[in-house]
Amino acid sequence: MANVSKEHLYSLIVCGGSGTRLWPRSRKNTPKHFLPNFYGESTLFNQTIERVKLLTDSAKILVITPSEYVDEVLSQSKEILPQNIIAEPSAKGTAIAIGVGAAYIRKIDPEAIIMNFWSDAAIKENDLFAESMNLAAQAAGEGEYLVVLGLKPLFPHTGLGYIEAGEIFKAGSKVCKVTSFKEKPDLPAAQEFVAKGNFYWNTGIYTFSAKSVFTAFSKFSPQIFSFLEKISASIGTSLEKETLANTYEKIIENTPIDLAIAEKADNLLMVPGNFIWSDIGDWKGTYDLKEKDENGNVVELFGKGGQHLGVDTKNCLIEVEDKLVATVGVSDLVVIETKDAILVCAKDKSQGVKKIVSLLKEKDQKEFL
């Protein structure tokens, strides 16, 4: 594997999304990655910064985030240089966010190797994570490759995509070629993937050179590529903000990076990771990640008035902020109490919380969003 000079190694943190499946704690103005004590004492965003600092210097960390979150990013991390924060006019999907971030980094260093991170992931064992990312950077430095981090599945997860690993990239290496992507499967398919042994959870954490990611956009998403070329030409000029705003207005679909390039690429490699990771995509994911008491419950109290009394309560996630919440004879529930809303749902139906947010939007009840 090629050794990548730290001089050319950059980190791009994508800091968007409102975490609608984690309503009512995660809201538009206070998404999950900015919430204290959501997972650990510091925010998920700050945990991401600390993790990324193991890999690149602070001056080589860039953050792309919707404009309404710029002040929050600045207040949560004094180490991020203000000029390294890219303000998106609006959220238009991860493909354009990563592309724009890569364009700014390419302007700084055309030889850059870019590692992209999500600000809302929970990761334990940062040293193992950094080891995997360094391996991904080395693989990306071998040529025009896109490299993704995969994780051996711990159970047949139906809320994640899967990567099918093929042959080893190079003799003696852990890096594999990718045979295929699989969208979020139903339970029988997920069970089949786990049984086969060569399927990995897709973390969506990518590493690539500036050159290779732009080549991929030009091949597989020409419209996004044309947008990126216009934005690239404006960076550092008086037309930069205007071009960014005008370009984002023309983007109709919110396209994920997986669909835009990764799933179409024939030069995709995978590094198998062995650290504990969760995208905390719903309340069940939150429950799975946290420590349980002797009854299998996760009970967390926030604020000064929150209390919980439980009788014959098992395998539940209960978060209380402002009131006394009492549960009797229940199991496998999610109960989330905030000052203005209470959510009660079956733990295995927690992906459906997003539908509640959609209903609130339909009813124009913005005060709860």
Protein backbone atom coordinates (compact mmCIF):
# COMPACT_ATOMS: atom_id res chain seq x y z
CA MET A 1 0.00 0.00 0.00
CA ALA A 2 1.15 3.52 -0.76
CA ASN A 3 1.92 5.78 2.17
CA VAL A 4 -0.08 8.99 1.98
CA SER A 5 1.69 12.13 3.13
CA LYS A 6 -0.18 13.87 5.93
CA GLU A 7 0.50 17.05 3.97
CA HIS A 8 -2.13 15.95 1.44
CA LEU A 9 -4.59 14.32 3.87
CA TYR A 10 -7.83 16.23 4.50
CA SER A 11 -10.99 15.55 6.50
CA LEU A 12 -14.44 16.64 5.35
CA ILE A 13 -17.21 16.52 7.96
CA VAL A 14 -20.75 16.54 6.58
CA CYS A 15 -22.89 18.20 9.22
CA GLY A 16 -26.49 18.24 8.03
CA GLY A 17 -29.76 16.42 8.51
CA SER A 18 -32.40 16.93 11.14
CA GLY A 19 -32.65 13.38 12.50
CA THR A 20 -36.38 13.07 11.92
CA ARG A 21 -36.48 9.45 13.13
CA LEU A 22 -35.23 10.69 16.51
CA TRP A 23 -38.06 13.14 17.10
CA PRO A 24 -39.01 14.66 19.54
CA ARG A 25 -35.47 15.17 20.92
CA SER A 26 -33.91 15.81 17.53
CA ARG A 27 -35.51 18.85 15.87
CA LYS A 28 -34.71 21.07 12.90
CA ASN A 29 -33.07 23.71 15.10
CA THR A 30 -31.44 21.18 17.43
CA PRO A 31 -30.52 18.07 15.40
CA LYS A 32 -29.09 15.03 17.19
CA HIS A 33 -25.44 15.82 16.46
CA PHE A 34 -25.63 19.09 18.40
CA LEU A 35 -27.45 17.68 21.44
CA PRO A 36 -25.46 17.29 24.67
CA ASN A 37 -25.66 13.86 26.33
CA PHE A 38 -27.33 12.24 23.33
CA TYR A 39 -24.57 9.65 23.32
CA GLY A 40 -21.76 10.35 25.75
CA GLU A 41 -21.20 13.59 27.60
CA SER A 42 -20.13 15.70 24.61
CA THR A 43 -22.15 16.16 21.43
CA LEU A 44 -21.81 13.73 18.53
CA PHE A 45 -20.35 16.61 16.50
CA ASN A 46 -17.61 17.23 19.08
CA GLN A 47 -16.89 13.51 19.28
CA THR A 48 -16.44 13.54 15.50
CA ILE A 49 -13.96 16.42 15.74
CA GLU A 50 -11.90 14.59 18.39
CA ARG A 51 -11.87 11.45 16.22
CA VAL A 52 -10.85 13.32 13.08
CA LYS A 53 -7.98 15.04 14.92
CA LEU A 54 -6.34 11.62 15.21
CA LEU A 55 -6.00 11.63 11.43
CA THR A 56 -5.46 15.19 10.21
CA ASP A 57 -4.32 18.53 11.56
CA SER A 58 -7.06 20.96 12.62
CA ALA A 59 -6.16 23.25 9.71
CA LYS A 60 -7.03 20.42 7.29
CA ILE A 61 -10.50 19.75 8.74
CA LEU A 62 -13.35 21.25 6.70
CA VAL A 63 -17.04 21.21 7.65
CA ILE A 64 -19.91 21.53 5.20
CA THR A 65 -23.21 22.42 6.82
CA PRO A 66 -26.46 24.25 6.02
CA SER A 67 -26.06 27.98 6.62
CA GLU A 68 -28.37 27.97 9.66
CA TYR A 69 -25.91 25.72 11.54
CA VAL A 70 -22.71 27.70 10.92
CA ASP A 71 -22.91 29.57 14.24
CA GLU A 72 -23.54 26.32 16.12
CA VAL A 73 -20.51 24.69 14.47
CA LEU A 74 -18.35 27.66 15.47
CA SER A 75 -19.64 27.66 19.05
CA GLN A 76 -19.17 23.90 19.51
CA SER A 77 -15.62 23.70 18.21
CA LYS A 78 -13.09 26.49 18.56
CA GLU A 79 -10.56 24.40 16.63
CA ILE A 80 -12.37 24.61 13.31
CA LEU A 81 -11.10 27.59 11.34
CA PRO A 82 -13.98 29.86 10.26
CA GLN A 83 -12.68 29.82 6.68
CA ASN A 84 -12.94 26.01 6.72
CA ILE A 85 -16.71 26.05 7.21
CA ILE A 86 -18.65 25.78 3.95
CA ALA A 87 -22.20 27.10 4.28
CA GLU A 88 -24.72 25.31 2.08
CA PRO A 89 -27.64 27.53 1.00
CA SER A 90 -29.95 24.56 1.68
CA ALA A 91 -29.77 20.83 2.28
CA LYS A 92 -29.82 19.06 -1.10
CA GLY A 93 -28.44 15.62 -0.26
CA THR A 94 -25.09 14.10 0.55
CA ALA A 95 -23.85 13.83 -3.05
CA ILE A 96 -23.73 17.58 -3.65
CA ALA A 97 -22.50 18.21 -0.07
CA ILE A 98 -19.52 15.88 -0.49
CA GLY A 99 -18.91 17.16 -4.02
CA VAL A 100 -18.85 20.80 -2.94
CA GLY A 101 -16.63 19.97 0.03
CA ALA A 102 -14.24 18.15 -2.31
CA ALA A 103 -14.24 21.16 -4.66
CA TYR A 104 -13.11 23.47 -1.87
CA ILE A 105 -10.41 21.03 -0.78
CA ARG A 106 -9.25 20.55 -4.38
CA LYS A 107 -8.86 24.33 -4.64
CA ILE A 108 -6.52 24.22 -1.63
CA ASP A 109 -4.63 21.11 -2.73
CA PRO A 110 -5.25 19.38 -6.10
CA GLU A 111 -3.36 16.33 -4.78
CA ALA A 112 -5.58 15.98 -1.73
CA ILE A 113 -6.78 12.65 -0.33
CA ILE A 114 -10.16 13.34 1.26
CA MET A 115 -11.72 11.37 4.10
CA ASN A 116 -15.39 12.11 4.64
CA PHE A 117 -17.15 11.79 7.98
CA TRP A 118 -20.71 12.16 9.24
CA SER A 119 -21.21 14.38 12.27
CA ASP A 120 -24.00 12.22 13.71
CA ALA A 121 -22.34 8.79 13.94
CA ALA A 122 -21.51 7.14 17.26
CA ILE A 123 -18.18 5.30 17.30
CA LYS A 124 -16.33 3.53 20.07
CA GLU A 125 -12.66 2.48 19.95
CA ASN A 126 -11.34 5.55 18.15
CA ASP A 127 -7.88 4.02 17.80
CA LEU A 128 -9.26 1.10 15.75
CA PHE A 129 -11.32 3.55 13.70
CA ALA A 130 -8.24 5.68 12.95
CA GLU A 131 -6.33 2.54 11.94
CA SER A 132 -9.06 1.65 9.41
CA MET A 133 -9.18 5.18 8.04
CA ASN A 134 -5.41 5.31 7.57
CA LEU A 135 -5.64 2.06 5.63
CA ALA A 136 -8.42 3.58 3.49
CA ALA A 137 -6.26 6.64 2.79
CA GLN A 138 -3.36 4.42 1.71
CA ALA A 139 -5.65 2.48 -0.64
CA ALA A 140 -7.06 5.71 -2.09
CA GLY A 141 -3.51 6.86 -2.73
CA GLU A 142 -2.83 3.79 -4.91
CA GLY A 143 -4.72 5.28 -7.86
CA GLU A 144 -8.21 6.35 -8.92
CA TYR A 145 -10.09 4.42 -6.29
CA LEU A 146 -13.08 5.17 -4.11
CA VAL A 147 -12.74 3.47 -0.73
CA VAL A 148 -15.59 2.75 1.70
CA LEU A 149 -15.50 1.50 5.29
CA GLY A 150 -17.53 -1.65 5.92
CA LEU A 151 -18.35 -3.40 9.19
CA LYS A 152 -18.95 -7.09 9.80
CA PRO A 153 -22.68 -7.31 10.69
CA LEU A 154 -23.44 -8.14 14.31
CA PHE A 155 -27.04 -9.07 13.47
CA PRO A 156 -29.38 -8.97 10.42
CA HIS A 157 -29.99 -5.19 10.44
CA THR A 158 -32.80 -4.08 8.12
CA GLY A 159 -32.14 -0.35 8.45
CA LEU A 160 -28.71 -0.34 6.79
CA GLY A 161 -27.35 -0.97 3.32
CA TYR A 162 -24.91 -3.83 2.72
CA ILE A 163 -21.67 -4.15 0.76
CA GLU A 164 -20.75 -7.44 -0.89
CA ALA A 165 -16.99 -7.96 -0.62
CA GLY A 166 -15.10 -9.67 -3.44
CA GLU A 167 -11.47 -10.60 -3.89
CA ILE A 168 -8.58 -9.08 -1.95
CA PHE A 169 -7.27 -5.89 -3.57
CA LYS A 170 -3.59 -6.77 -3.09
CA ALA A 171 -1.81 -9.77 -1.60
CA GLY A 172 -1.35 -9.39 2.14
CA SER A 173 -3.90 -6.56 2.36
CA LYS A 174 -7.20 -6.44 4.25
CA VAL A 175 -8.68 -4.21 1.55
CA CYS A 176 -11.24 -5.90 -0.73
CA LYS A 177 -12.78 -5.10 -4.07
CA VAL A 178 -16.52 -4.41 -3.90
CA THR A 179 -18.77 -6.73 -5.89
CA SER A 180 -22.12 -5.05 -5.24
CA PHE A 181 -24.23 -2.77 -3.06
CA LYS A 182 -27.50 -3.92 -1.55
CA GLU A 183 -30.18 -1.49 -0.43
CA LYS A 184 -31.79 -1.80 3.01
CA PRO A 185 -33.07 -5.41 2.93
CA ASP A 186 -36.08 -7.12 4.44
CA LEU A 187 -35.36 -9.50 7.32
CA PRO A 188 -34.99 -12.72 5.26
CA ALA A 189 -32.53 -11.01 2.90
CA ALA A 190 -30.58 -9.52 5.82
CA GLN A 191 -30.38 -12.97 7.43
CA GLU A 192 -29.08 -14.39 4.14
CA PHE A 193 -26.41 -11.67 3.89
CA VAL A 194 -25.18 -12.38 7.43
CA ALA A 195 -25.11 -16.13 6.77
CA LYS A 196 -23.01 -15.72 3.60
CA GLY A 197 -20.20 -14.07 5.52
CA ASN A 198 -18.91 -11.71 2.83
CA PHE A 199 -21.48 -8.95 3.35
CA TYR A 200 -20.71 -5.87 5.44
CA TRP A 201 -22.74 -3.01 6.81
CA ASN A 202 -22.25 0.12 4.73
CA THR A 203 -21.08 2.95 7.00
CA GLY A 204 -21.11 5.45 4.11
CA ILE A 205 -17.67 6.64 5.24
CA TYR A 206 -15.67 7.24 2.04
CA THR A 207 -12.08 8.12 1.23
CA PHE A 208 -10.85 9.21 -2.21
CA SER A 209 -8.49 11.55 -3.97
CA ALA A 210 -9.88 14.85 -5.22
CA LYS A 211 -9.17 13.68 -8.75
CA SER A 212 -10.95 10.32 -8.41
CA VAL A 213 -14.15 11.70 -6.90
CA PHE A 214 -14.50 14.31 -9.66
CA THR A 215 -13.85 11.64 -12.28
CA ALA A 216 -16.61 9.55 -10.69
CA PHE A 217 -19.08 12.45 -10.76
CA SER A 218 -18.26 13.15 -14.40
CA LYS A 219 -18.91 9.51 -15.33
CA PHE A 220 -21.93 8.66 -13.24
CA SER A 221 -23.67 11.93 -12.29
CA PRO A 222 -22.95 14.40 -15.11
CA GLN A 223 -25.55 16.91 -13.93
CA ILE A 224 -24.06 17.11 -10.45
CA PHE A 225 -20.62 17.28 -12.05
CA SER A 226 -21.67 20.31 -14.13
CA PHE A 227 -22.94 22.00 -10.94
CA LEU A 228 -19.65 21.26 -9.20
CA GLU A 229 -17.61 22.67 -12.07
CA LYS A 230 -19.52 25.96 -11.90
CA ILE A 231 -19.06 26.15 -8.15
CA SER A 232 -15.36 25.25 -8.44
CA ALA A 233 -14.75 28.06 -10.91
CA SER A 234 -16.29 30.59 -8.52
CA ILE A 235 -14.39 29.63 -5.35
CA GLY A 236 -12.29 32.53 -4.14
CA THR A 237 -14.00 35.05 -6.41
CA SER A 238 -16.59 37.74 -5.72
CA LEU A 239 -19.23 35.48 -7.32
CA GLU A 240 -18.68 32.55 -4.96
CA LYS A 241 -21.74 32.97 -2.71
CA GLU A 242 -24.02 33.96 -5.56
CA THR A 243 -22.92 30.97 -7.66
CA LEU A 244 -23.41 28.60 -4.75
CA ALA A 245 -26.93 29.93 -4.09
CA ASN A 246 -27.96 29.90 -7.77
CA THR A 247 -26.61 26.40 -8.28
CA TYR A 248 -28.40 24.97 -5.24
CA GLU A 249 -31.68 26.46 -6.47
CA LYS A 250 -31.37 24.39 -9.65
CA ILE A 251 -30.89 21.09 -7.78
CA ILE A 252 -34.24 19.31 -7.74
CA GLU A 253 -33.49 15.94 -6.14
CA ASN A 254 -31.77 15.25 -2.84
CA THR A 255 -29.35 12.61 -4.07
CA PRO A 256 -27.28 10.45 -1.68
CA ILE A 257 -23.60 9.90 -2.47
CA ASP A 258 -24.21 6.13 -2.67
CA LEU A 259 -26.73 6.50 -5.49
CA ALA A 260 -24.83 9.26 -7.27
CA ILE A 261 -21.49 7.48 -7.68
CA ALA A 262 -20.59 4.68 -5.27
CA GLU A 263 -23.13 2.08 -6.39
CA LYS A 264 -22.23 2.68 -10.06
CA ALA A 265 -18.45 2.69 -9.68
CA ASP A 266 -16.26 -0.19 -10.84
CA ASN A 267 -13.22 1.08 -8.91
CA LEU A 268 -14.68 0.76 -5.42
CA LEU A 269 -12.68 -0.80 -2.60
CA MET A 270 -13.69 -1.65 0.95
CA VAL A 271 -11.75 -1.60 4.21
CA PRO A 272 -13.29 -3.97 6.78
CA GLY A 273 -13.47 -2.22 10.16
CA ASN A 274 -13.70 -3.89 13.56
CA PHE A 275 -14.78 -1.00 15.79
CA ILE A 276 -18.21 -0.39 17.32
CA TRP A 277 -20.26 1.97 15.15
CA SER A 278 -23.84 3.14 14.85
CA ASP A 279 -25.48 5.74 12.66
CA ILE A 280 -28.12 6.07 15.41
CA GLY A 281 -30.72 6.11 12.67
CA ASP A 282 -33.70 5.58 14.96
CA TRP A 283 -34.63 5.06 18.60
CA LYS A 284 -34.02 1.31 18.45
CA GLY A 285 -30.48 2.06 17.31
CA THR A 286 -30.11 4.33 20.32
CA TYR A 287 -31.37 1.57 22.62
CA ASP A 288 -29.03 -1.01 21.07
CA LEU A 289 -26.00 1.22 21.61
CA LYS A 290 -26.54 2.14 25.25
CA GLU A 291 -25.99 0.22 28.47
CA LYS A 292 -29.02 -1.55 29.95
CA ASP A 293 -30.04 -2.12 33.58
CA GLU A 294 -30.93 -5.49 35.09
CA ASN A 295 -34.35 -5.39 33.40
CA GLY A 296 -32.93 -4.62 29.98
CA ASN A 297 -34.07 -0.99 30.19
CA VAL A 298 -32.23 2.15 29.15
CA VAL A 299 -33.49 4.97 31.36
CA GLU A 300 -32.04 8.47 30.99
CA LEU A 301 -33.13 11.59 32.84
CA PHE A 302 -32.59 15.07 31.40
CA GLY A 303 -33.44 18.43 32.93
CA LYS A 304 -34.26 19.09 36.57
CA GLY A 305 -37.77 17.65 36.74
CA GLY A 306 -37.42 14.34 34.95
CA GLN A 307 -38.27 11.16 36.88
CA HIS A 308 -39.19 7.60 35.99
CA LEU A 309 -40.99 4.97 38.05
CA GLY A 310 -41.26 1.53 36.52
CA VAL A 311 -43.12 -1.58 37.58
CA ASP A 312 -42.71 -4.77 35.55
CA THR A 313 -41.05 -2.74 32.79
CA LYS A 314 -38.60 -4.56 30.54
CA ASN A 315 -36.40 -3.91 27.50
CA CYS A 316 -37.57 -0.32 27.06
CA LEU A 317 -35.86 2.93 26.12
CA ILE A 318 -37.16 5.70 28.36
CA GLU A 319 -35.89 9.28 28.17
CA VAL A 320 -37.45 11.82 30.52
CA GLU A 321 -36.83 15.55 30.51
CA ASP A 322 -39.43 17.43 32.51
CA LYS A 323 -42.07 15.18 34.08
CA LEU A 324 -42.64 12.05 36.11
CA VAL A 325 -43.14 9.19 33.67
CA ALA A 326 -44.53 5.95 35.12
CA THR A 327 -44.66 2.63 33.26
CA VAL A 328 -46.43 -0.55 34.36
CA GLY A 329 -46.40 -3.97 32.71
CA VAL A 330 -44.82 -2.91 29.42
CA SER A 331 -41.92 -4.18 27.34
CA ASP A 332 -40.03 -3.27 24.17
CA LEU A 333 -41.32 0.30 24.09
CA VAL A 334 -39.71 3.64 23.32
CA VAL A 335 -40.96 6.45 25.58
CA ILE A 336 -39.45 9.90 24.94
CA GLU A 337 -40.71 12.87 26.97
CA THR A 338 -39.70 16.45 26.23
CA LYS A 339 -41.15 19.73 27.44
CA ASP A 340 -43.65 19.96 24.59
CA ALA A 341 -44.09 16.42 23.25
CA ILE A 342 -44.25 12.75 24.25
CA LEU A 343 -43.48 9.85 21.93
CA VAL A 344 -44.60 6.29 22.67
CA CYS A 345 -43.87 3.59 20.11
CA ALA A 346 -42.99 -0.06 19.77
CA LYS A 347 -39.21 -0.36 19.70
CA ASP A 348 -39.24 -2.40 16.50
CA LYS A 349 -41.42 0.23 14.78
CA SER A 350 -39.17 3.18 15.58
CA GLN A 351 -38.32 3.79 11.90
CA GLY A 352 -41.94 4.96 11.60
CA VAL A 353 -41.29 8.03 13.76
CA LYS A 354 -40.38 9.83 10.54
CA LYS A 355 -44.06 9.56 9.54
CA ILE A 356 -45.02 11.58 12.62
CA VAL A 357 -42.71 14.37 11.47
CA SER A 358 -44.31 14.22 8.01
CA LEU A 359 -47.77 14.52 9.58
CA LEU A 360 -46.65 17.54 11.62
CA LYS A 361 -45.41 19.17 8.41
CA GLU A 362 -48.71 18.45 6.68
CA LYS A 363 -50.60 20.02 9.57
CA ASP A 364 -48.17 22.98 9.54
CA GLN A 365 -47.42 22.46 13.23
CA LYS A 366 -43.99 24.05 12.98
CA GLU A 367 -43.72 24.57 16.73
CA PHE A 368 -43.14 20.83 17.14
CA LEU A 369 -40.60 20.44 14.33
